[in-house]
Full PDB file with SEQRES, HELIX, SHEET, SSBOND, CRYST1, ORIGX, SCALE, CONECT and MASTER records, all heavy atoms in Angstrom:
SEQRES   1 A   33  THR MET ALA PHE LYS LYS MET ALA ASP GLU SER GLY GLU          
SEQRES   2 A   33  ASN GLN ASN ASP TYR LEU PHE SER LEU LEU GLU MET ILE          
SEQRES   3 A   33  THR GLY LYS LYS PRO GLY THR                                  
HELIX    1 AA1 MET A    2  SER A   11  1                                  10    
HELIX    2 AA2 GLN A   15  THR A   27  1                                  13    
CRYST1    1.000    1.000    1.000  90.00  90.00  90.00 P 1           1          
ORIGX1      1.000000  0.000000  0.000000        0.00000                         
ORIGX2      0.000000  1.000000  0.000000        0.00000                         
ORIGX3      0.000000  0.000000  1.000000        0.00000                         
SCALE1      1.000000  0.000000  0.000000        0.00000                         
SCALE2      0.000000  1.000000  0.000000        0.00000                         
SCALE3      0.000000  0.000000  1.000000        0.00000                         
ATOM      1  N   THR A   1     102.014  98.745  85.169  1.00  0.00           N  
ATOM      2  CA  THR A   1     100.823  99.558  85.418  1.00  0.00           C  
ATOM      3  C   THR A   1     100.467 100.390  84.187  1.00  0.00           C  
ATOM      4  O   THR A   1      99.297 100.454  83.781  1.00  0.00           O  
ATOM      5  CB  THR A   1     101.050 100.484  86.631  1.00  0.00           C  
ATOM      6  OG1 THR A   1     101.274  99.681  87.800  1.00  0.00           O  
ATOM      7  CG2 THR A   1      99.843 101.386  86.872  1.00  0.00           C  
ATOM      8  N   MET A   2     101.486 101.009  83.591  1.00  0.00           N  
ATOM      9  CA  MET A   2     101.238 101.812  82.389  1.00  0.00           C  
ATOM     10  C   MET A   2     100.721 100.947  81.238  1.00  0.00           C  
ATOM     11  O   MET A   2      99.833 101.356  80.492  1.00  0.00           O  
ATOM     12  CB  MET A   2     102.517 102.538  81.978  1.00  0.00           C  
ATOM     13  CG  MET A   2     102.883 103.703  82.876  1.00  0.00           C  
ATOM     14  SD  MET A   2     104.239 104.725  82.212  1.00  0.00           S  
ATOM     15  CE  MET A   2     105.616 103.582  82.331  1.00  0.00           C  
ATOM     16  N   ALA A   3     101.265  99.726  81.126  1.00  0.00           N  
ATOM     17  CA  ALA A   3     100.848  98.827  80.043  1.00  0.00           C  
ATOM     18  C   ALA A   3      99.388  98.406  80.223  1.00  0.00           C  
ATOM     19  O   ALA A   3      98.609  98.420  79.255  1.00  0.00           O  
ATOM     20  CB  ALA A   3     101.750  97.596  80.016  1.00  0.00           C  
ATOM     21  N   PHE A   4      99.009  98.045  81.448  1.00  0.00           N  
ATOM     22  CA  PHE A   4      97.615  97.660  81.709  1.00  0.00           C  
ATOM     23  C   PHE A   4      96.663  98.831  81.485  1.00  0.00           C  
ATOM     24  O   PHE A   4      95.573  98.667  80.931  1.00  0.00           O  
ATOM     25  CB  PHE A   4      97.466  97.135  83.137  1.00  0.00           C  
ATOM     26  CG  PHE A   4      97.722  95.654  83.263  1.00  0.00           C  
ATOM     27  CD1 PHE A   4      98.798  95.180  83.983  1.00  0.00           C  
ATOM     28  CD2 PHE A   4      96.871  94.732  82.661  1.00  0.00           C  
ATOM     29  CE1 PHE A   4      99.049  93.817  84.093  1.00  0.00           C  
ATOM     30  CE2 PHE A   4      97.102  93.377  82.762  1.00  0.00           C  
ATOM     31  CZ  PHE A   4      98.199  92.917  83.487  1.00  0.00           C  
ATOM     32  N   LYS A   5      97.093 100.010  81.918  1.00  0.00           N  
ATOM     33  CA  LYS A   5      96.249 101.199  81.737  1.00  0.00           C  
ATOM     34  C   LYS A   5      96.034 101.488  80.248  1.00  0.00           C  
ATOM     35  O   LYS A   5      94.922 101.801  79.821  1.00  0.00           O  
ATOM     36  CB  LYS A   5      96.876 102.408  82.428  1.00  0.00           C  
ATOM     37  CG  LYS A   5      95.971 103.643  82.451  1.00  0.00           C  
ATOM     38  CD  LYS A   5      96.599 104.769  83.232  1.00  0.00           C  
ATOM     39  CE  LYS A   5      95.657 105.960  83.341  1.00  0.00           C  
ATOM     40  NZ  LYS A   5      95.165 106.447  82.041  1.00  0.00           N  
ATOM     41  N   LYS A   6      97.090 101.330  79.463  1.00  0.00           N  
ATOM     42  CA  LYS A   6      97.000 101.567  78.024  1.00  0.00           C  
ATOM     43  C   LYS A   6      96.037 100.563  77.376  1.00  0.00           C  
ATOM     44  O   LYS A   6      95.208 100.927  76.544  1.00  0.00           O  
ATOM     45  CB  LYS A   6      98.391 101.451  77.397  1.00  0.00           C  
ATOM     46  CG  LYS A   6      98.444 101.799  75.905  1.00  0.00           C  
ATOM     47  CD  LYS A   6      99.889 101.826  75.425  1.00  0.00           C  
ATOM     48  CE  LYS A   6     100.003 102.291  73.977  1.00  0.00           C  
ATOM     49  NZ  LYS A   6      99.423 101.345  73.026  1.00  0.00           N  
ATOM     50  N   MET A   7      96.141  99.295  77.791  1.00  0.00           N  
ATOM     51  CA  MET A   7      95.258  98.269  77.228  1.00  0.00           C  
ATOM     52  C   MET A   7      93.798  98.528  77.608  1.00  0.00           C  
ATOM     53  O   MET A   7      92.894  98.334  76.788  1.00  0.00           O  
ATOM     54  CB  MET A   7      95.697  96.875  77.687  1.00  0.00           C  
ATOM     55  CG  MET A   7      96.987  96.412  77.033  1.00  0.00           C  
ATOM     56  SD  MET A   7      97.407  94.691  77.405  1.00  0.00           S  
ATOM     57  CE  MET A   7      97.899  94.817  79.135  1.00  0.00           C  
ATOM     58  N   ALA A   8      93.597  98.957  78.849  1.00  0.00           N  
ATOM     59  CA  ALA A   8      92.231  99.260  79.283  1.00  0.00           C  
ATOM     60  C   ALA A   8      91.668 100.432  78.491  1.00  0.00           C  
ATOM     61  O   ALA A   8      90.513 100.396  78.042  1.00  0.00           O  
ATOM     62  CB  ALA A   8      92.216  99.571  80.780  1.00  0.00           C  
ATOM     63  N   ASP A   9      92.484 101.461  78.289  1.00  0.00           N  
ATOM     64  CA  ASP A   9      92.041 102.632  77.524  1.00  0.00           C  
ATOM     65  C   ASP A   9      91.692 102.244  76.087  1.00  0.00           C  
ATOM     66  O   ASP A   9      90.690 102.709  75.526  1.00  0.00           O  
ATOM     67  CB  ASP A   9      93.124 103.713  77.521  1.00  0.00           C  
ATOM     68  CG  ASP A   9      93.331 104.346  78.895  1.00  0.00           C  
ATOM     69  OD1 ASP A   9      92.435 104.199  79.748  1.00  0.00           O  
ATOM     70  OD2 ASP A   9      94.390 104.973  79.097  1.00  0.00           O  
ATOM     71  N   GLU A  10      92.510 101.391  75.489  1.00  0.00           N  
ATOM     72  CA  GLU A  10      92.296 100.989  74.103  1.00  0.00           C  
ATOM     73  C   GLU A  10      91.109 100.040  73.935  1.00  0.00           C  
ATOM     74  O   GLU A  10      90.577  99.891  72.838  1.00  0.00           O  
ATOM     75  CB  GLU A  10      93.567 100.342  73.547  1.00  0.00           C  
ATOM     76  CG  GLU A  10      94.722 101.320  73.375  1.00  0.00           C  
ATOM     77  CD  GLU A  10      95.997 100.645  72.923  1.00  0.00           C  
ATOM     78  OE1 GLU A  10      96.040  99.396  72.928  1.00  0.00           O  
ATOM     79  OE2 GLU A  10      96.956 101.368  72.562  1.00  0.00           O  
ATOM     80  N   SER A  11      90.704  99.387  75.042  1.00  0.00           N  
ATOM     81  CA  SER A  11      89.586  98.445  74.972  1.00  0.00           C  
ATOM     82  C   SER A  11      88.242  99.153  74.807  1.00  0.00           C  
ATOM     83  O   SER A  11      87.256  98.550  74.367  1.00  0.00           O  
ATOM     84  CB  SER A  11      89.538  97.581  76.236  1.00  0.00           C  
ATOM     85  OG  SER A  11      89.061  98.334  77.350  1.00  0.00           O  
ATOM     86  N   GLY A  12      88.183 100.438  75.191  1.00  0.00           N  
ATOM     87  CA  GLY A  12      86.929 101.188  75.136  1.00  0.00           C  
ATOM     88  C   GLY A  12      86.060 100.974  76.360  1.00  0.00           C  
ATOM     89  O   GLY A  12      84.999 101.592  76.489  1.00  0.00           O  
ATOM     90  N   GLU A  13      86.506 100.100  77.276  1.00  0.00           N  
ATOM     91  CA  GLU A  13      85.764  99.856  78.517  1.00  0.00           C  
ATOM     92  C   GLU A  13      86.380 100.699  79.633  1.00  0.00           C  
ATOM     93  O   GLU A  13      87.532 101.131  79.534  1.00  0.00           O  
ATOM     94  CB  GLU A  13      85.835  98.379  78.912  1.00  0.00           C  
ATOM     95  CG  GLU A  13      85.233  97.409  77.911  1.00  0.00           C  
ATOM     96  CD  GLU A  13      85.365  95.975  78.375  1.00  0.00           C  
ATOM     97  OE1 GLU A  13      86.480  95.441  78.325  1.00  0.00           O  
ATOM     98  OE2 GLU A  13      84.343  95.387  78.785  1.00  0.00           O  
ATOM     99  N   ASN A  14      85.605 100.905  80.706  1.00  0.00           N  
ATOM    100  CA  ASN A  14      86.236 101.537  81.862  1.00  0.00           C  
ATOM    101  C   ASN A  14      87.144 100.499  82.515  1.00  0.00           C  
ATOM    102  O   ASN A  14      87.066  99.300  82.221  1.00  0.00           O  
ATOM    103  CB  ASN A  14      85.194 102.102  82.846  1.00  0.00           C  
ATOM    104  CG  ASN A  14      84.350 101.025  83.502  1.00  0.00           C  
ATOM    105  OD1 ASN A  14      84.859 100.035  84.009  1.00  0.00           O  
ATOM    106  ND2 ASN A  14      83.035 101.223  83.518  1.00  0.00           N  
ATOM    107  N   GLN A  15      88.006 100.943  83.408  1.00  0.00           N  
ATOM    108  CA  GLN A  15      89.029 100.061  83.973  1.00  0.00           C  
ATOM    109  C   GLN A  15      88.433  98.821  84.638  1.00  0.00           C  
ATOM    110  O   GLN A  15      88.903  97.695  84.423  1.00  0.00           O  
ATOM    111  CB  GLN A  15      89.885 100.822  84.985  1.00  0.00           C  
ATOM    112  CG  GLN A  15      91.001 101.628  84.371  1.00  0.00           C  
ATOM    113  CD  GLN A  15      91.975 102.134  85.421  1.00  0.00           C  
ATOM    114  OE1 GLN A  15      91.959 101.709  86.583  1.00  0.00           O  
ATOM    115  NE2 GLN A  15      92.842 103.047  85.015  1.00  0.00           N  
ATOM    116  N   ASN A  16      87.402  99.016  85.450  1.00  0.00           N  
ATOM    117  CA  ASN A  16      86.833  97.884  86.169  1.00  0.00           C  
ATOM    118  C   ASN A  16      86.240  96.855  85.225  1.00  0.00           C  
ATOM    119  O   ASN A  16      86.463  95.642  85.376  1.00  0.00           O  
ATOM    120  CB  ASN A  16      85.766  98.363  87.169  1.00  0.00           C  
ATOM    121  CG  ASN A  16      86.363  99.203  88.285  1.00  0.00           C  
ATOM    122  OD1 ASN A  16      87.544  99.066  88.628  1.00  0.00           O  
ATOM    123  ND2 ASN A  16      85.558 100.092  88.854  1.00  0.00           N  
ATOM    124  N   ASP A  17      85.477  97.316  84.233  1.00  0.00           N  
ATOM    125  CA  ASP A  17      84.881  96.385  83.275  1.00  0.00           C  
ATOM    126  C   ASP A  17      85.958  95.649  82.486  1.00  0.00           C  
ATOM    127  O   ASP A  17      85.821  94.459  82.178  1.00  0.00           O  
ATOM    128  CB  ASP A  17      83.948  97.130  82.313  1.00  0.00           C  
ATOM    129  CG  ASP A  17      82.658  97.583  82.981  1.00  0.00           C  
ATOM    130  OD1 ASP A  17      82.331  97.026  84.049  1.00  0.00           O  
ATOM    131  OD2 ASP A  17      82.006  98.510  82.459  1.00  0.00           O  
ATOM    132  N   TYR A  18      87.024  96.360  82.159  1.00  0.00           N  
ATOM    133  CA  TYR A  18      88.129  95.721  81.445  1.00  0.00           C  
ATOM    134  C   TYR A  18      88.740  94.608  82.300  1.00  0.00           C  
ATOM    135  O   TYR A  18      89.001  93.498  81.808  1.00  0.00           O  
ATOM    136  CB  TYR A  18      89.199  96.742  81.081  1.00  0.00           C  
ATOM    137  CG  TYR A  18      90.452  96.123  80.514  1.00  0.00           C  
ATOM    138  CD1 TYR A  18      90.477  95.646  79.211  1.00  0.00           C  
ATOM    139  CD2 TYR A  18      91.603  96.012  81.301  1.00  0.00           C  
ATOM    140  CE1 TYR A  18      91.625  95.054  78.693  1.00  0.00           C  
ATOM    141  CE2 TYR A  18      92.754  95.421  80.787  1.00  0.00           C  
ATOM    142  CZ  TYR A  18      92.755  94.951  79.491  1.00  0.00           C  
ATOM    143  OH  TYR A  18      93.893  94.361  78.987  1.00  0.00           O  
ATOM    144  N   LEU A  19      88.973  94.886  83.585  1.00  0.00           N  
ATOM    145  CA  LEU A  19      89.563  93.889  84.480  1.00  0.00           C  
ATOM    146  C   LEU A  19      88.630  92.704  84.673  1.00  0.00           C  
ATOM    147  O   LEU A  19      89.075  91.548  84.704  1.00  0.00           O  
ATOM    148  CB  LEU A  19      89.910  94.530  85.827  1.00  0.00           C  
ATOM    149  CG  LEU A  19      91.003  95.598  85.799  1.00  0.00           C  
ATOM    150  CD1 LEU A  19      91.231  96.166  87.196  1.00  0.00           C  
ATOM    151  CD2 LEU A  19      92.309  95.034  85.241  1.00  0.00           C  
ATOM    152  N   PHE A  20      87.335  92.966  84.787  1.00  0.00           N  
ATOM    153  CA  PHE A  20      86.370  91.873  84.932  1.00  0.00           C  
ATOM    154  C   PHE A  20      86.344  91.004  83.676  1.00  0.00           C  
ATOM    155  O   PHE A  20      86.269  89.766  83.759  1.00  0.00           O  
ATOM    156  CB  PHE A  20      84.973  92.421  85.222  1.00  0.00           C  
ATOM    157  CG  PHE A  20      84.849  93.141  86.540  1.00  0.00           C  
ATOM    158  CD1 PHE A  20      83.858  94.101  86.740  1.00  0.00           C  
ATOM    159  CD2 PHE A  20      85.723  92.881  87.583  1.00  0.00           C  
ATOM    160  CE1 PHE A  20      83.744  94.769  87.956  1.00  0.00           C  
ATOM    161  CE2 PHE A  20      85.620  93.544  88.794  1.00  0.00           C  
ATOM    162  CZ  PHE A  20      84.626  94.494  88.982  1.00  0.00           C  
ATOM    163  N   SER A  21      86.410  91.641  82.514  1.00  0.00           N  
ATOM    164  CA  SER A  21      86.439  90.887  81.254  1.00  0.00           C  
ATOM    165  C   SER A  21      87.700  90.032  81.173  1.00  0.00           C  
ATOM    166  O   SER A  21      87.664  88.883  80.717  1.00  0.00           O  
ATOM    167  CB  SER A  21      86.396  91.842  80.055  1.00  0.00           C  
ATOM    168  OG  SER A  21      85.192  92.570  80.028  1.00  0.00           O  
ATOM    169  N   LEU A  22      88.802  90.593  81.639  1.00  0.00           N  
ATOM    170  CA  LEU A  22      90.072  89.877  81.638  1.00  0.00           C  
ATOM    171  C   LEU A  22      90.012  88.654  82.544  1.00  0.00           C  
ATOM    172  O   LEU A  22      90.430  87.549  82.163  1.00  0.00           O  
ATOM    173  CB  LEU A  22      91.187  90.820  82.093  1.00  0.00           C  
ATOM    174  CG  LEU A  22      92.630  90.350  81.949  1.00  0.00           C  
ATOM    175  CD1 LEU A  22      92.973  90.093  80.486  1.00  0.00           C  
ATOM    176  CD2 LEU A  22      93.586  91.392  82.539  1.00  0.00           C  
ATOM    177  N   LEU A  23      89.448  88.827  83.736  1.00  0.00           N  
ATOM    178  CA  LEU A  23      89.324  87.717  84.669  1.00  0.00           C  
ATOM    179  C   LEU A  23      88.379  86.634  84.140  1.00  0.00           C  
ATOM    180  O   LEU A  23      88.641  85.441  84.304  1.00  0.00           O  
ATOM    181  CB  LEU A  23      88.828  88.224  86.032  1.00  0.00           C  
ATOM    182  CG  LEU A  23      89.841  88.981  86.889  1.00  0.00           C  
ATOM    183  CD1 LEU A  23      89.183  89.505  88.152  1.00  0.00           C  
ATOM    184  CD2 LEU A  23      91.026  88.084  87.242  1.00  0.00           C  
ATOM    185  N   GLU A  24      87.296  87.052  83.497  1.00  0.00           N  
ATOM    186  CA  GLU A  24      86.367  86.082  82.934  1.00  0.00           C  
ATOM    187  C   GLU A  24      87.032  85.294  81.804  1.00  0.00           C  
ATOM    188  O   GLU A  24      86.832  84.075  81.678  1.00  0.00           O  
ATOM    189  CB  GLU A  24      85.117  86.784  82.406  1.00  0.00           C  
ATOM    190  CG  GLU A  24      84.060  85.819  81.898  1.00  0.00           C  
ATOM    191  CD  GLU A  24      82.768  86.508  81.476  1.00  0.00           C  
ATOM    192  OE1 GLU A  24      82.729  87.761  81.495  1.00  0.00           O  
ATOM    193  OE2 GLU A  24      81.808  85.799  81.132  1.00  0.00           O  
ATOM    194  N   MET A  25      87.836  85.960  81.007  1.00  0.00           N  
ATOM    195  CA  MET A  25      88.537  85.297  79.917  1.00  0.00           C  
ATOM    196  C   MET A  25      89.553  84.279  80.460  1.00  0.00           C  
ATOM    197  O   MET A  25      89.687  83.172  79.932  1.00  0.00           O  
ATOM    198  CB  MET A  25      89.263  86.327  79.057  1.00  0.00           C  
ATOM    199  CG  MET A  25      90.003  85.745  77.871  1.00  0.00           C  
ATOM    200  SD  MET A  25      90.803  87.028  76.856  1.00  0.00           S  
ATOM    201  CE  MET A  25      92.057  87.626  78.012  1.00  0.00           C  
ATOM    202  N   ILE A  26      90.221  84.630  81.543  1.00  0.00           N  
ATOM    203  CA  ILE A  26      91.243  83.753  82.125  1.00  0.00           C  
ATOM    204  C   ILE A  26      90.632  82.557  82.841  1.00  0.00           C  
ATOM    205  O   ILE A  26      91.110  81.430  82.708  1.00  0.00           O  
ATOM    206  CB  ILE A  26      92.133  84.550  83.102  1.00  0.00           C  
ATOM    207  CG1 ILE A  26      92.967  85.587  82.344  1.00  0.00           C  
ATOM    208  CG2 ILE A  26      93.057  83.625  83.891  1.00  0.00           C  
ATOM    209  CD1 ILE A  26      93.696  86.567  83.244  1.00  0.00           C  
ATOM    210  N   THR A  27      89.565  82.809  83.595  1.00  0.00           N  
ATOM    211  CA  THR A  27      89.007  81.760  84.456  1.00  0.00           C  
ATOM    212  C   THR A  27      87.759  81.075  83.898  1.00  0.00           C  
ATOM    213  O   THR A  27      87.383  80.008  84.368  1.00  0.00           O  
ATOM    214  CB  THR A  27      88.642  82.342  85.833  1.00  0.00           C  
ATOM    215  OG1 THR A  27      87.569  83.298  85.685  1.00  0.00           O  
ATOM    216  CG2 THR A  27      89.838  83.046  86.462  1.00  0.00           C  
ATOM    217  N   GLY A  28      87.120  81.714  82.912  1.00  0.00           N  
ATOM    218  CA  GLY A  28      85.876  81.158  82.387  1.00  0.00           C  
ATOM    219  C   GLY A  28      84.691  81.417  83.300  1.00  0.00           C  
ATOM    220  O   GLY A  28      83.594  80.906  83.087  1.00  0.00           O  
ATOM    221  N   LYS A  29      84.903  82.250  84.301  1.00  0.00           N  
ATOM    222  CA  LYS A  29      83.851  82.547  85.278  1.00  0.00           C  
ATOM    223  C   LYS A  29      83.724  84.061  85.430  1.00  0.00           C  
ATOM    224  O   LYS A  29      84.717  84.758  85.635  1.00  0.00           O  
ATOM    225  CB  LYS A  29      84.203  81.909  86.620  1.00  0.00           C  
ATOM    226  CG  LYS A  29      83.225  82.214  87.738  1.00  0.00           C  
ATOM    227  CD  LYS A  29      83.752  81.640  89.047  1.00  0.00           C  
ATOM    228  CE  LYS A  29      82.900  82.056  90.229  1.00  0.00           C  
ATOM    229  NZ  LYS A  29      83.473  81.597  91.526  1.00  0.00           N  
ATOM    230  N   LYS A  30      82.508  84.557  85.333  1.00  0.00           N  
ATOM    231  CA  LYS A  30      82.287  85.989  85.459  1.00  0.00           C  
ATOM    232  C   LYS A  30      82.359  86.426  86.920  1.00  0.00           C  
ATOM    233  O   LYS A  30      81.704  85.829  87.778  1.00  0.00           O  
ATOM    234  CB  LYS A  30      80.916  86.360  84.879  1.00  0.00           C  
ATOM    235  CG  LYS A  30      80.663  87.846  84.776  1.00  0.00           C  
ATOM    236  CD  LYS A  30      79.368  88.120  84.020  1.00  0.00           C  
ATOM    237  CE  LYS A  30      79.148  89.616  83.832  1.00  0.00           C  
ATOM    238  NZ  LYS A  30      77.935  89.909  83.033  1.00  0.00           N  
ATOM    239  N   PRO A  31      83.132  87.453  87.217  1.00  0.00           N  
ATOM    240  CA  PRO A  31      83.212  87.936  88.599  1.00  0.00           C  
ATOM    241  C   PRO A  31      81.867  88.471  89.091  1.00  0.00           C  
ATOM    242  O   PRO A  31      81.137  89.121  88.333  1.00  0.00           O  
ATOM    243  CB  PRO A  31      84.251  89.066  88.524  1.00  0.00           C  
ATOM    244  CG  PRO A  31      85.033  88.788  87.292  1.00  0.00           C  
ATOM    245  CD  PRO A  31      84.054  88.175  86.329  1.00  0.00           C  
ATOM    246  N   GLY A  32      81.557  88.196  90.346  1.00  0.00           N  
ATOM    247  CA  GLY A  32      80.330  88.701  90.948  1.00  0.00           C  
ATOM    248  C   GLY A  32      80.615  89.911  91.827  1.00  0.00           C  
ATOM    249  O   GLY A  32      81.768  90.341  91.965  1.00  0.00           O  
ATOM    250  N   THR A  33      79.578  90.435  92.427  1.00  0.00           N  
ATOM    251  CA  THR A  33      79.737  91.631  93.270  1.00  0.00           C  
ATOM    252  C   THR A  33      80.586  91.362  94.511  1.00  0.00           C  
ATOM    253  O   THR A  33      81.125  92.304  95.106  1.00  0.00           O  
ATOM    254  CB  THR A  33      78.360  92.157  93.722  1.00  0.00           C  
ATOM    255  OG1 THR A  33      77.652  91.102  94.398  1.00  0.00           O  
ATOM    256  CG2 THR A  33      77.545  92.622  92.524  1.00  0.00           C  
TER     257      THR A  33                                                      
MASTER        0    0    0    2    0    0    0    6  256    1    0    3          
END                                                                             
């Protein structure tokens, strides 16, 4: 949890946007609402 939080903080994005970017990078599909 601390490692993910640190990476999100360093990305300059808020946590949710960081996680969505991560999922899009992994799956090639952008998360929807």
